[in-house]
Amino acid sequence: MKRLISQVLSGALCSVMLHQPAFAHNGVDHNNSCFLTVGETRLRLSGYQFQPELEGKHFCHFFPELGQIVVAVEPLAEDRKNTQVTLELAQLTAWLHPEQAFTVIKRQPAQLIGSGLVSISQTIRQRGIYRLTLTLQDSSGELRQQRFMFLVGIPMTKILVMIAGLLVLIIGFAGVKEFIKKTG
């Protein structure tokens, strides 16, 4: 029963993360890894954490530690000089009420995207699901919005390594048991 529940939760989490146009990355070279399209504007997303073991790494959907995070966006094309971007960070707080599921924890005032990097920073003290909302407003006043979710405080790499190790042990145990059956 526990296995079924964990499989359902893992499947749901993966489907939530995969339907979005931003892709996770982890490493120094992130030129082709984490992008978001808002209307016709393509932006590069870079997430950072400041623990010594995470220095120089970039994150998108999975921030492995609690603490200060920074999510930065920058346009790929320079023709968006008169476009303003507003960033809003929210935390999932109500699973049962989708219309009130997220609570805004920080809102960054509108800034011109043509000036380069625009970021939002927050110290996160609770593991969970968070959402970044980007709102772009062009010189004609047209608003476009895009959202994506990410996890904070959940070391996905460590979890996947532990699951792989557990699977190897289970397969090894089953193989030894079958071998003993055949030779005994």
C-alpha atoms as a PDB file:
ATOM      1  CA  MET A   1       0.000   0.000   0.000  1.00  0.00           C
ATOM      2  CA  LYS A   2       2.822   2.410   0.903  1.00  0.00           C
ATOM      3  CA  ARG A   3       4.490   1.607  -2.411  1.00  0.00           C
ATOM      4  CA  LEU A   4       1.321   2.421  -4.345  1.00  0.00           C
ATOM      5  CA  ILE A   5       0.930   5.738  -2.505  1.00  0.00           C
ATOM      6  CA  SER A   6       4.552   6.698  -3.162  1.00  0.00           C
ATOM      7  CA  GLN A   7       4.198   5.801  -6.860  1.00  0.00           C
ATOM      8  CA  VAL A   8       1.032   7.886  -7.179  1.00  0.00           C
ATOM      9  CA  LEU A   9       2.652  10.860  -5.424  1.00  0.00           C
ATOM     10  CA  SER A  10       5.801  10.575  -7.550  1.00  0.00           C
ATOM     11  CA  GLY A  11       3.741  10.364 -10.730  1.00  0.00           C
ATOM     12  CA  ALA A  12       1.641  13.365  -9.756  1.00  0.00           C
ATOM     13  CA  LEU A  13       4.715  15.414  -8.876  1.00  0.00           C
ATOM     14  CA  CYS A  14       6.423  14.538 -12.157  1.00  0.00           C
ATOM     15  CA  SER A  15       3.341  15.380 -14.203  1.00  0.00           C
ATOM     16  CA  VAL A  16       3.001  18.755 -12.471  1.00  0.00           C
ATOM     17  CA  MET A  17       6.651  19.577 -13.135  1.00  0.00           C
ATOM     18  CA  LEU A  18       6.849  18.258 -16.697  1.00  0.00           C
ATOM     19  CA  HIS A  19       3.870  20.086 -18.205  1.00  0.00           C
ATOM     20  CA  GLN A  20       5.576  23.421 -17.823  1.00  0.00           C
ATOM     21  CA  PRO A  21       7.843  25.049 -20.405  1.00  0.00           C
ATOM     22  CA  ALA A  22      10.800  25.466 -18.038  1.00  0.00           C
ATOM     23  CA  PHE A  23      13.223  22.585 -17.616  1.00  0.00           C
ATOM     24  CA  ALA A  24      15.384  21.751 -14.626  1.00  0.00           C
ATOM     25  CA  HIS A  25      19.138  22.005 -14.707  1.00  0.00           C
ATOM     26  CA  ASN A  26      21.991  21.810 -12.294  1.00  0.00           C
ATOM     27  CA  GLY A  27      25.496  22.884 -13.149  1.00  0.00           C
ATOM     28  CA  VAL A  28      27.632  25.763 -14.277  1.00  0.00           C
ATOM     29  CA  ASP A  29      26.728  25.801 -17.980  1.00  0.00           C
ATOM     30  CA  HIS A  30      23.007  26.507 -18.259  1.00  0.00           C
ATOM     31  CA  ASN A  31      22.860  28.094 -21.713  1.00  0.00           C
ATOM     32  CA  ASN A  32      20.467  25.483 -23.110  1.00  0.00           C
ATOM     33  CA  SER A  33      18.656  24.309 -20.011  1.00  0.00           C
ATOM     34  CA  CYS A  34      16.048  26.487 -18.345  1.00  0.00           C
ATOM     35  CA  PHE A  35      13.789  28.736 -20.374  1.00  0.00           C
ATOM     36  CA  LEU A  36      10.310  30.185 -20.085  1.00  0.00           C
ATOM     37  CA  THR A  37       8.220  31.740 -22.824  1.00  0.00           C
ATOM     38  CA  VAL A  38       5.800  34.519 -21.901  1.00  0.00           C
ATOM     39  CA  GLY A  39       3.801  35.521 -24.955  1.00  0.00           C
ATOM     40  CA  GLU A  40       6.472  36.010 -27.603  1.00  0.00           C
ATOM     41  CA  THR A  41       9.246  36.764 -25.117  1.00  0.00           C
ATOM     42  CA  ARG A  42      11.703  34.005 -24.336  1.00  0.00           C
ATOM     43  CA  LEU A  43      13.458  34.281 -20.977  1.00  0.00           C
ATOM     44  CA  ARG A  44      16.319  32.391 -19.361  1.00  0.00           C
ATOM     45  CA  LEU A  45      15.676  31.358 -15.744  1.00  0.00           C
ATOM     46  CA  SER A  46      18.457  30.816 -13.246  1.00  0.00           C
ATOM     47  CA  GLY A  47      17.936  29.769  -9.648  1.00  0.00           C
ATOM     48  CA  TYR A  48      20.626  29.941  -6.981  1.00  0.00           C
ATOM     49  CA  GLN A  49      21.210  28.805  -3.417  1.00  0.00           C
ATOM     50  CA  PHE A  50      24.074  29.912  -1.228  1.00  0.00           C
ATOM     51  CA  GLN A  51      25.224  26.860   0.704  1.00  0.00           C
ATOM     52  CA  PRO A  52      28.922  25.979   0.145  1.00  0.00           C
ATOM     53  CA  GLU A  53      28.147  22.624  -1.525  1.00  0.00           C
ATOM     54  CA  LEU A  54      25.804  24.356  -4.004  1.00  0.00           C
ATOM     55  CA  GLU A  55      28.151  27.169  -4.978  1.00  0.00           C
ATOM     56  CA  GLY A  56      28.228  27.739  -8.731  1.00  0.00           C
ATOM     57  CA  LYS A  57      25.172  25.531  -9.402  1.00  0.00           C
ATOM     58  CA  HIS A  58      21.997  26.719 -11.061  1.00  0.00           C
ATOM     59  CA  PHE A  59      18.529  25.371 -10.348  1.00  0.00           C
ATOM     60  CA  CYS A  60      15.167  25.573 -12.026  1.00  0.00           C
ATOM     61  CA  HIS A  61      12.504  23.231 -10.587  1.00  0.00           C
ATOM     62  CA  PHE A  62      14.331  21.617  -7.672  1.00  0.00           C
ATOM     63  CA  PHE A  63      16.098  23.643  -4.987  1.00  0.00           C
ATOM     64  CA  PRO A  64      17.608  20.955  -2.732  1.00  0.00           C
ATOM     65  CA  GLU A  65      18.104  22.992   0.465  1.00  0.00           C
ATOM     66  CA  LEU A  66      16.129  25.400   2.622  1.00  0.00           C
ATOM     67  CA  GLY A  67      17.469  28.921   3.032  1.00  0.00           C
ATOM     68  CA  GLN A  68      17.920  31.853   0.715  1.00  0.00           C
ATOM     69  CA  ILE A  69      16.984  31.308  -2.907  1.00  0.00           C
ATOM     70  CA  VAL A  70      17.261  33.697  -5.812  1.00  0.00           C
ATOM     71  CA  VAL A  71      15.375  33.251  -9.065  1.00  0.00           C
ATOM     72  CA  ALA A  72      16.600  35.482 -11.884  1.00  0.00           C
ATOM     73  CA  VAL A  73      15.181  36.015 -15.368  1.00  0.00           C
ATOM     74  CA  GLU A  74      16.779  37.631 -18.372  1.00  0.00           C
ATOM     75  CA  PRO A  75      15.506  38.075 -21.920  1.00  0.00           C
ATOM     76  CA  LEU A  76      17.221  36.211 -24.736  1.00  0.00           C
ATOM     77  CA  ALA A  77      16.463  38.951 -27.278  1.00  0.00           C
ATOM     78  CA  GLU A  78      17.372  42.582 -26.704  1.00  0.00           C
ATOM     79  CA  ASP A  79      14.325  43.996 -28.506  1.00  0.00           C
ATOM     80  CA  ARG A  80      12.295  44.101 -25.263  1.00  0.00           C
ATOM     81  CA  LYS A  81      13.782  47.328 -23.842  1.00  0.00           C
ATOM     82  CA  ASN A  82      10.387  48.927 -23.091  1.00  0.00           C
ATOM     83  CA  THR A  83       8.917  45.769 -21.543  1.00  0.00           C
ATOM     84  CA  GLN A  84       8.413  45.645 -17.797  1.00  0.00           C
ATOM     85  CA  VAL A  85       8.467  42.462 -15.754  1.00  0.00           C
ATOM     86  CA  THR A  86       6.875  41.830 -12.367  1.00  0.00           C
ATOM     87  CA  LEU A  87       7.883  38.769 -10.347  1.00  0.00           C
ATOM     88  CA  GLU A  88       5.728  37.192  -7.661  1.00  0.00           C
ATOM     89  CA  LEU A  89       6.679  34.303  -5.392  1.00  0.00           C
ATOM     90  CA  ALA A  90       3.962  32.183  -3.757  1.00  0.00           C
ATOM     91  CA  GLN A  91       3.841  29.080  -1.559  1.00  0.00           C
ATOM     92  CA  LEU A  92       1.358  26.219  -1.857  1.00  0.00           C
ATOM     93  CA  THR A  93      -0.676  26.412   1.357  1.00  0.00           C
ATOM     94  CA  ALA A  94      -4.125  24.939   0.591  1.00  0.00           C
ATOM     95  CA  TRP A  95      -4.232  21.648  -1.298  1.00  0.00           C
ATOM     96  CA  LEU A  96      -8.008  21.307  -1.140  1.00  0.00           C
ATOM     97  CA  HIS A  97      -8.947  24.755  -2.435  1.00  0.00           C
ATOM     98  CA  PRO A  98      -7.344  25.296  -5.887  1.00  0.00           C
ATOM     99  CA  GLU A  99      -8.544  28.902  -6.177  1.00  0.00           C
ATOM    100  CA  GLN A 100      -6.759  29.742  -2.920  1.00  0.00           C
ATOM    101  CA  ALA A 101      -3.979  27.150  -3.161  1.00  0.00           C
ATOM    102  CA  PHE A 102      -1.065  29.588  -3.263  1.00  0.00           C
ATOM    103  CA  THR A 103      -0.265  32.362  -0.814  1.00  0.00           C
ATOM    104  CA  VAL A 104       1.908  35.208  -2.110  1.00  0.00           C
ATOM    105  CA  ILE A 105       5.033  35.603   0.031  1.00  0.00           C
ATOM    106  CA  LYS A 106       6.868  38.231  -2.010  1.00  0.00           C
ATOM    107  CA  ARG A 107       6.126  40.543  -4.938  1.00  0.00           C
ATOM    108  CA  GLN A 108       8.896  42.339  -6.795  1.00  0.00           C
ATOM    109  CA  PRO A 109       7.906  45.738  -8.275  1.00  0.00           C
ATOM    110  CA  ALA A 110       7.860  46.121 -12.056  1.00  0.00           C
ATOM    111  CA  GLN A 111      11.275  46.632 -13.630  1.00  0.00           C
ATOM    112  CA  LEU A 112      12.379  47.211 -17.200  1.00  0.00           C
ATOM    113  CA  ILE A 113      13.512  43.899 -18.627  1.00  0.00           C
ATOM    114  CA  GLY A 114      15.814  45.655 -21.084  1.00  0.00           C
ATOM    115  CA  SER A 115      18.112  46.508 -18.210  1.00  0.00           C
ATOM    116  CA  GLY A 116      19.194  42.857 -18.078  1.00  0.00           C
ATOM    117  CA  LEU A 117      18.765  40.511 -15.168  1.00  0.00           C
ATOM    118  CA  VAL A 118      15.670  40.837 -12.966  1.00  0.00           C
ATOM    119  CA  SER A 119      15.487  38.716  -9.830  1.00  0.00           C
ATOM    120  CA  ILE A 120      13.502  37.883  -6.732  1.00  0.00           C
ATOM    121  CA  SER A 121      15.108  36.643  -3.517  1.00  0.00           C
ATOM    122  CA  GLN A 122      13.540  35.044  -0.465  1.00  0.00           C
ATOM    123  CA  THR A 123      14.629  33.013   2.541  1.00  0.00           C
ATOM    124  CA  ILE A 124      12.575  29.821   2.494  1.00  0.00           C
ATOM    125  CA  ARG A 125      12.202  28.044   5.824  1.00  0.00           C
ATOM    126  CA  GLN A 126       9.583  25.416   4.859  1.00  0.00           C
ATOM    127  CA  ARG A 127       9.914  22.523   2.459  1.00  0.00           C
ATOM    128  CA  GLY A 128       7.236  22.598  -0.172  1.00  0.00           C
ATOM    129  CA  ILE A 129       5.936  23.616  -3.547  1.00  0.00           C
ATOM    130  CA  TYR A 130       6.410  27.212  -4.626  1.00  0.00           C
ATOM    131  CA  ARG A 131       5.266  29.145  -7.690  1.00  0.00           C
ATOM    132  CA  LEU A 132       6.877  32.002  -9.572  1.00  0.00           C
ATOM    133  CA  THR A 133       4.531  34.215 -11.580  1.00  0.00           C
ATOM    134  CA  LEU A 134       6.055  36.419 -14.283  1.00  0.00           C
ATOM    135  CA  THR A 135       3.968  39.245 -15.696  1.00  0.00           C
ATOM    136  CA  LEU A 136       5.238  41.142 -18.720  1.00  0.00           C
ATOM    137  CA  GLN A 137       3.783  44.472 -19.814  1.00  0.00           C
ATOM    138  CA  ASP A 138       4.885  45.884 -23.152  1.00  0.00           C
ATOM    139  CA  SER A 139       4.935  49.560 -24.161  1.00  0.00           C
ATOM    140  CA  SER A 140       1.347  49.349 -25.455  1.00  0.00           C
ATOM    141  CA  GLY A 141       0.123  48.184 -22.011  1.00  0.00           C
ATOM    142  CA  GLU A 142      -0.593  44.579 -23.019  1.00  0.00           C
ATOM    143  CA  LEU A 143      -0.112  42.128 -20.128  1.00  0.00           C
ATOM    144  CA  ARG A 144       1.105  38.551 -20.517  1.00  0.00           C
ATOM    145  CA  GLN A 145       1.610  36.143 -17.679  1.00  0.00           C
ATOM    146  CA  GLN A 146       3.300  32.791 -17.152  1.00  0.00           C
ATOM    147  CA  ARG A 147       3.645  30.650 -14.029  1.00  0.00           C
ATOM    148  CA  PHE A 148       5.802  27.731 -13.083  1.00  0.00           C
ATOM    149  CA  MET A 149       6.213  25.701  -9.938  1.00  0.00           C
ATOM    150  CA  PHE A 150       9.309  24.427  -8.183  1.00  0.00           C
ATOM    151  CA  LEU A 151      10.246  22.489  -5.057  1.00  0.00           C
ATOM    152  CA  VAL A 152      12.379  23.853  -2.218  1.00  0.00           C
ATOM    153  CA  GLY A 153      14.071  21.792   0.475  1.00  0.00           C
ATOM    154  CA  ILE A 154      13.670  18.462  -1.278  1.00  0.00           C
ATOM    155  CA  PRO A 155      17.014  17.008  -2.418  1.00  0.00           C
ATOM    156  CA  MET A 156      15.714  15.159  -5.474  1.00  0.00           C
ATOM    157  CA  THR A 157      19.154  13.900  -6.528  1.00  0.00           C
ATOM    158  CA  LYS A 158      19.760  12.290  -3.132  1.00  0.00           C
ATOM    159  CA  ILE A 159      16.262  10.790  -3.122  1.00  0.00           C
ATOM    160  CA  LEU A 160      16.715   9.301  -6.595  1.00  0.00           C
ATOM    161  CA  VAL A 161      20.106   7.830  -5.619  1.00  0.00           C
ATOM    162  CA  MET A 162      18.561   6.255  -2.511  1.00  0.00           C
ATOM    163  CA  ILE A 163      15.674   4.808  -4.551  1.00  0.00           C
ATOM    164  CA  ALA A 164      18.122   3.394  -7.108  1.00  0.00           C
ATOM    165  CA  GLY A 165      20.195   1.849  -4.305  1.00  0.00           C
ATOM    166  CA  LEU A 166      17.095   0.323  -2.759  1.00  0.00           C
ATOM    167  CA  LEU A 167      16.041  -1.133  -6.118  1.00  0.00           C
ATOM    168  CA  VAL A 168      19.504  -2.656  -6.593  1.00  0.00           C
ATOM    169  CA  LEU A 169      19.254  -4.263  -3.140  1.00  0.00           C
ATOM    170  CA  ILE A 170      15.768  -5.630  -3.831  1.00  0.00           C
ATOM    171  CA  ILE A 171      16.778  -7.014  -7.231  1.00  0.00           C
ATOM    172  CA  GLY A 172      19.968  -8.482  -5.729  1.00  0.00           C
ATOM    173  CA  PHE A 173      18.037 -10.082  -2.863  1.00  0.00           C
ATOM    174  CA  ALA A 174      15.475 -11.551  -5.275  1.00  0.00           C
ATOM    175  CA  GLY A 175      18.284 -12.857  -7.500  1.00  0.00           C
ATOM    176  CA  VAL A 176      20.111 -14.516  -4.589  1.00  0.00           C
ATOM    177  CA  LYS A 177      16.872 -16.053  -3.341  1.00  0.00           C
ATOM    178  CA  GLU A 178      16.104 -17.445  -6.818  1.00  0.00           C
ATOM    179  CA  PHE A 179      19.676 -18.756  -7.138  1.00  0.00           C
ATOM    180  CA  ILE A 180      19.409 -20.538  -3.789  1.00  0.00           C
ATOM    181  CA  LYS A 181      16.072 -22.053  -4.853  1.00  0.00           C
ATOM    182  CA  LYS A 182      17.556 -23.425  -8.087  1.00  0.00           C
ATOM    183  CA  THR A 183      20.723 -24.823  -6.460  1.00  0.00           C
ATOM    184  CA  GLY A 184      19.038 -26.117  -3.309  1.00  0.00           C
END
